[in-house]
Amino acid sequence: MQLTTLSKTYQVTEAPLVVLDKFSYTVEPKEITALVGPSGCGKTTLLRLIGGLEKPDEGNITKVEAEEGPISYLFQEPRLLPWHTVLQNVELVLRPWFEHKSERVARAMEFLHMVDLHNYARFKPDQLSGGMRQRVAIARAFAYPARLMLLDEPFQSLDTSMRWSLVKAFLTLWEQDKRTTVYVTHDVPEALLMADTVIRLTSRPMQILETLRIDTPRHERSLGDPKFIAMQARFYT
């Protein structure tokens, strides 16, 4: 996916707020690209532009064929429908794609199994913990037949143990079905363990400060590795 000279300005009271000013980058297909930068620098705005929720003032977004079509979006909150069961929340997004309910239910249950929530299929969201609700959201995102995934800090509100559990659940599904993924986070260790490429960003208007390519296989990565310690340090200097 090619992001070419994207610009976006909001009118706040009487002064313009320039968020993006000719921002360009090439997102590699079927990889995870993490965006790490100061709060308010424009990361979420960029996701919204990629997802078509907003339009740039200038510039273009060109997707490769494998990225065209519907998009899966994982938000900071699970955004489940409270009146539906866990199973229904996942099955719901499949209705445009599968005519028969039995097929939708089978596919939904397959993904609930993958995140170890198949025994909670009949529960309502308010009967689950926050981490379990986010696992439902992950299952729903992967069940949806999208080739492009956008993640907006989906694990930020959880404790460390739960966060790593969800990161593992996400990566388990992603390794089985690799999709172009753009991921916003403030958590540097999380980005280094998850992403193929981590982009350090400046404050507004957002520009690229540095691009870190991580070739170490995910299962071999360790935050205690001197290489990863050095990469972490770059974000705090």
Protein backbone atom coordinates (compact mmCIF):
# COMPACT_ATOMS: atom_id res chain seq x y z
CA MET A 1 0.00 0.00 0.00
CA GLN A 2 1.44 3.31 -1.09
CA LEU A 3 0.72 6.44 0.97
CA THR A 4 1.65 9.41 -1.17
CA THR A 5 1.99 13.00 0.11
CA LEU A 6 -1.03 12.78 2.40
CA SER A 7 -2.14 16.04 3.98
CA LYS A 8 -4.91 16.61 6.52
CA THR A 9 -5.85 19.80 8.36
CA TYR A 10 -8.70 20.35 10.81
CA GLN A 11 -10.23 23.71 11.58
CA VAL A 12 -10.13 24.11 15.37
CA THR A 13 -11.82 27.32 16.58
CA GLU A 14 -10.11 29.97 14.45
CA ALA A 15 -6.76 28.26 13.89
CA PRO A 16 -6.00 25.41 11.48
CA LEU A 17 -4.62 22.21 13.04
CA VAL A 18 -2.21 20.61 10.59
CA VAL A 19 -2.03 16.88 11.37
CA LEU A 20 -0.44 15.51 8.20
CA ASP A 21 1.67 17.49 5.77
CA LYS A 22 2.75 15.54 2.68
CA PHE A 23 3.19 12.27 4.59
CA SER A 24 4.46 9.39 2.44
CA TYR A 25 5.26 5.76 3.17
CA THR A 26 5.05 2.31 1.55
CA VAL A 27 3.34 -0.32 3.71
CA GLU A 28 4.57 -3.80 2.81
CA PRO A 29 1.78 -6.27 2.00
CA LYS A 30 1.02 -9.11 4.41
CA GLU A 31 3.22 -7.61 7.11
CA ILE A 32 2.57 -5.84 10.41
CA THR A 33 3.63 -2.19 10.43
CA ALA A 34 3.58 -0.49 13.83
CA LEU A 35 3.22 3.27 14.23
CA VAL A 36 4.77 4.66 17.43
CA GLY A 37 4.69 8.36 18.23
CA PRO A 38 3.54 11.03 20.67
CA SER A 39 -0.13 11.31 21.62
CA GLY A 40 -2.01 13.50 19.19
CA CYS A 41 0.62 13.31 16.47
CA GLY A 42 -1.80 11.96 13.86
CA LYS A 43 -1.56 8.16 14.06
CA THR A 44 -5.31 7.59 14.41
CA THR A 45 -6.01 10.15 11.71
CA LEU A 46 -3.78 8.15 9.37
CA LEU A 47 -5.69 4.96 10.21
CA ARG A 48 -8.98 6.71 9.51
CA LEU A 49 -7.69 7.86 6.12
CA ILE A 50 -6.49 4.37 5.22
CA GLY A 51 -9.82 2.92 6.37
CA GLY A 52 -11.82 5.40 4.31
CA LEU A 53 -13.48 6.92 7.37
CA GLU A 54 -12.07 10.30 6.33
CA LYS A 55 -10.61 11.73 3.16
CA PRO A 56 -7.24 13.45 2.86
CA ASP A 57 -7.10 17.09 1.83
CA GLU A 58 -4.35 16.11 -0.59
CA GLY A 59 -2.49 12.97 -1.60
CA ASN A 60 -3.39 9.41 -2.48
CA ILE A 61 -3.65 5.96 -0.94
CA THR A 62 -3.00 3.17 -3.42
CA LYS A 63 -3.63 -0.41 -2.33
CA VAL A 64 -2.35 -3.53 -4.01
CA GLU A 65 -4.91 -6.04 -5.23
CA ALA A 66 -4.51 -8.24 -2.13
CA GLU A 67 -5.53 -5.28 0.09
CA GLU A 68 -8.62 -4.18 -1.81
CA GLY A 69 -12.12 -4.73 -0.44
CA PRO A 70 -13.44 -4.75 3.13
CA ILE A 71 -11.31 -3.72 6.11
CA SER A 72 -11.13 -5.13 9.64
CA TYR A 73 -10.74 -2.47 12.33
CA LEU A 74 -9.75 -3.27 15.94
CA PHE A 75 -10.48 -0.33 18.22
CA GLN A 76 -9.36 0.54 21.75
CA GLU A 77 -12.73 -0.77 22.96
CA PRO A 78 -14.21 -4.12 21.81
CA ARG A 79 -17.40 -2.44 20.51
CA LEU A 80 -19.53 -5.54 20.89
CA LEU A 81 -23.31 -5.39 20.67
CA PRO A 82 -24.47 -5.92 24.28
CA TRP A 83 -27.81 -7.49 23.33
CA HIS A 84 -26.12 -10.21 21.26
CA THR A 85 -24.26 -13.26 22.52
CA VAL A 86 -20.55 -13.77 21.87
CA LEU A 87 -21.38 -16.11 19.00
CA GLN A 88 -23.89 -13.67 17.50
CA ASN A 89 -21.37 -10.81 17.66
CA VAL A 90 -18.96 -12.79 15.49
CA GLU A 91 -21.61 -14.34 13.25
CA LEU A 92 -23.12 -10.93 12.54
CA VAL A 93 -20.20 -9.69 10.42
CA LEU A 94 -20.40 -12.80 8.23
CA ARG A 95 -23.96 -12.25 7.06
CA PRO A 96 -23.06 -10.36 3.85
CA TRP A 97 -20.65 -13.15 2.87
CA PHE A 98 -22.35 -16.42 3.80
CA GLU A 99 -25.97 -17.06 2.93
CA HIS A 100 -26.63 -19.99 5.26
CA LYS A 101 -26.68 -19.45 9.00
CA SER A 102 -25.19 -22.88 9.69
CA GLU A 103 -22.09 -21.92 7.68
CA ARG A 104 -21.80 -18.59 9.49
CA VAL A 105 -22.12 -20.21 12.89
CA ALA A 106 -19.53 -22.86 12.03
CA ARG A 107 -17.05 -20.23 10.89
CA ALA A 108 -17.72 -18.05 13.93
CA MET A 109 -17.20 -21.01 16.27
CA GLU A 110 -13.95 -21.86 14.48
CA PHE A 111 -12.52 -18.46 15.37
CA LEU A 112 -13.88 -18.55 18.90
CA HIS A 113 -12.04 -21.84 19.33
CA MET A 114 -8.85 -20.15 18.15
CA VAL A 115 -9.08 -17.54 20.92
CA ASP A 116 -10.24 -20.17 23.46
CA LEU A 117 -13.73 -18.71 23.92
CA HIS A 118 -15.85 -21.45 22.38
CA ASN A 119 -17.22 -22.35 25.82
CA TYR A 120 -18.52 -18.77 26.20
CA ALA A 121 -20.39 -18.62 22.89
CA ARG A 122 -23.79 -18.17 24.59
CA PHE A 123 -22.61 -15.52 27.05
CA LYS A 124 -23.45 -11.83 26.67
CA PRO A 125 -20.56 -9.32 26.58
CA ASP A 126 -21.37 -7.97 30.06
CA GLN A 127 -20.78 -11.45 31.46
CA LEU A 128 -17.16 -11.44 30.27
CA SER A 129 -14.01 -9.78 31.55
CA GLY A 130 -12.43 -6.93 29.58
CA GLY A 131 -9.75 -9.21 28.18
CA MET A 132 -12.29 -11.80 27.09
CA ARG A 133 -14.37 -9.14 25.32
CA GLN A 134 -11.28 -8.01 23.44
CA ARG A 135 -10.58 -11.62 22.43
CA VAL A 136 -14.09 -11.73 20.96
CA ALA A 137 -13.23 -8.59 19.00
CA ILE A 138 -10.04 -10.25 17.72
CA ALA A 139 -12.00 -13.35 16.65
CA ARG A 140 -14.54 -11.13 14.88
CA ALA A 141 -11.80 -9.17 13.09
CA PHE A 142 -10.23 -12.33 11.70
CA ALA A 143 -13.54 -14.01 10.89
CA TYR A 144 -14.41 -11.03 8.70
CA PRO A 145 -12.97 -11.73 5.23
CA ALA A 146 -10.83 -8.59 5.00
CA ARG A 147 -7.32 -8.41 3.56
CA LEU A 148 -6.39 -5.24 5.42
CA MET A 149 -6.42 -4.84 9.21
CA LEU A 150 -6.18 -1.58 11.15
CA LEU A 151 -5.43 -1.69 14.89
CA ASP A 152 -5.88 1.42 17.04
CA GLU A 153 -4.26 0.59 20.41
CA PRO A 154 -6.54 -2.41 21.01
CA PHE A 155 -4.65 -3.63 24.10
CA GLN A 156 -3.84 -0.36 25.86
CA SER A 157 -6.42 -0.49 28.66
CA LEU A 158 -5.41 -3.95 29.92
CA ASP A 159 -2.90 -5.08 32.52
CA THR A 160 0.47 -6.39 31.36
CA SER A 161 -0.36 -10.09 31.70
CA MET A 162 -3.64 -9.76 29.81
CA ARG A 163 -2.05 -7.58 27.15
CA TRP A 164 0.58 -10.21 26.31
CA SER A 165 -2.09 -12.90 26.28
CA LEU A 166 -4.04 -10.92 23.68
CA VAL A 167 -0.94 -10.15 21.65
CA LYS A 168 -0.24 -13.88 21.53
CA ALA A 169 -3.84 -14.63 20.50
CA PHE A 170 -3.66 -12.02 17.75
CA LEU A 171 -0.34 -13.28 16.40
CA THR A 172 -1.51 -16.91 16.47
CA LEU A 173 -4.40 -15.98 14.17
CA TRP A 174 -2.29 -13.64 12.04
CA GLU A 175 0.39 -16.27 11.37
CA GLN A 176 -2.32 -18.59 10.04
CA ASP A 177 -3.79 -15.91 7.78
CA LYS A 178 -1.32 -13.09 7.13
CA ARG A 179 -2.98 -9.81 6.26
CA THR A 180 -1.56 -6.35 5.69
CA THR A 181 -1.78 -4.80 9.16
CA VAL A 182 -1.20 -1.21 10.29
CA TYR A 183 -0.98 -0.99 14.04
CA VAL A 184 -0.99 2.10 16.30
CA THR A 185 0.50 1.73 19.78
CA HIS A 186 2.33 3.67 22.48
CA ASP A 187 3.85 0.48 23.86
CA VAL A 188 7.36 0.15 22.40
CA PRO A 189 8.04 -3.44 23.62
CA GLU A 190 4.69 -4.52 22.20
CA ALA A 191 5.55 -3.00 18.83
CA LEU A 192 8.99 -4.62 18.76
CA LEU A 193 7.57 -8.07 19.54
CA MET A 194 4.66 -7.84 17.09
CA ALA A 195 5.73 -5.88 14.04
CA ASP A 196 7.85 -6.51 10.98
CA THR A 197 8.52 -2.78 10.77
CA VAL A 198 8.28 -0.17 13.53
CA ILE A 199 8.03 3.48 12.50
CA ARG A 200 9.09 6.22 14.93
CA LEU A 201 7.01 9.32 14.34
CA THR A 202 7.40 12.98 15.18
CA SER A 203 4.85 15.23 16.82
CA ARG A 204 2.30 17.10 14.69
CA PRO A 205 2.43 17.48 11.73
CA MET A 206 3.42 13.82 11.71
CA GLN A 207 6.55 12.81 9.87
CA ILE A 208 8.76 9.72 9.95
CA LEU A 209 11.71 10.04 12.32
CA GLU A 210 13.08 6.54 11.81
CA THR A 211 12.09 3.18 10.34
CA LEU A 212 13.19 0.05 12.20
CA ARG A 213 13.07 -3.21 10.26
CA ILE A 214 12.90 -6.32 12.48
CA ASP A 215 13.98 -9.50 10.70
CA THR A 216 14.23 -11.70 13.80
CA PRO A 217 11.43 -14.33 13.68
CA ARG A 218 8.72 -13.50 16.22
CA HIS A 219 9.17 -16.71 18.16
CA GLU A 220 12.85 -15.88 18.69
CA ARG A 221 12.37 -12.31 19.89
CA SER A 222 13.21 -11.36 23.45
CA LEU A 223 13.12 -7.97 25.11
CA GLY A 224 16.24 -9.05 27.02
CA ASP A 225 18.18 -9.45 23.77
CA PRO A 226 20.81 -6.67 23.56
CA LYS A 227 19.59 -5.84 20.06
CA PHE A 228 16.06 -5.26 21.30
CA ILE A 229 17.28 -3.33 24.33
CA ALA A 230 19.16 -1.03 21.95
CA MET A 231 16.08 -0.58 19.77
CA GLN A 232 13.94 0.28 22.78
CA ALA A 233 16.47 2.87 23.88
CA ARG A 234 16.13 4.72 20.57
CA PHE A 235 12.57 5.67 21.51
CA TYR A 236 13.61 7.34 24.74
CA THR A 237 16.52 9.47 23.54
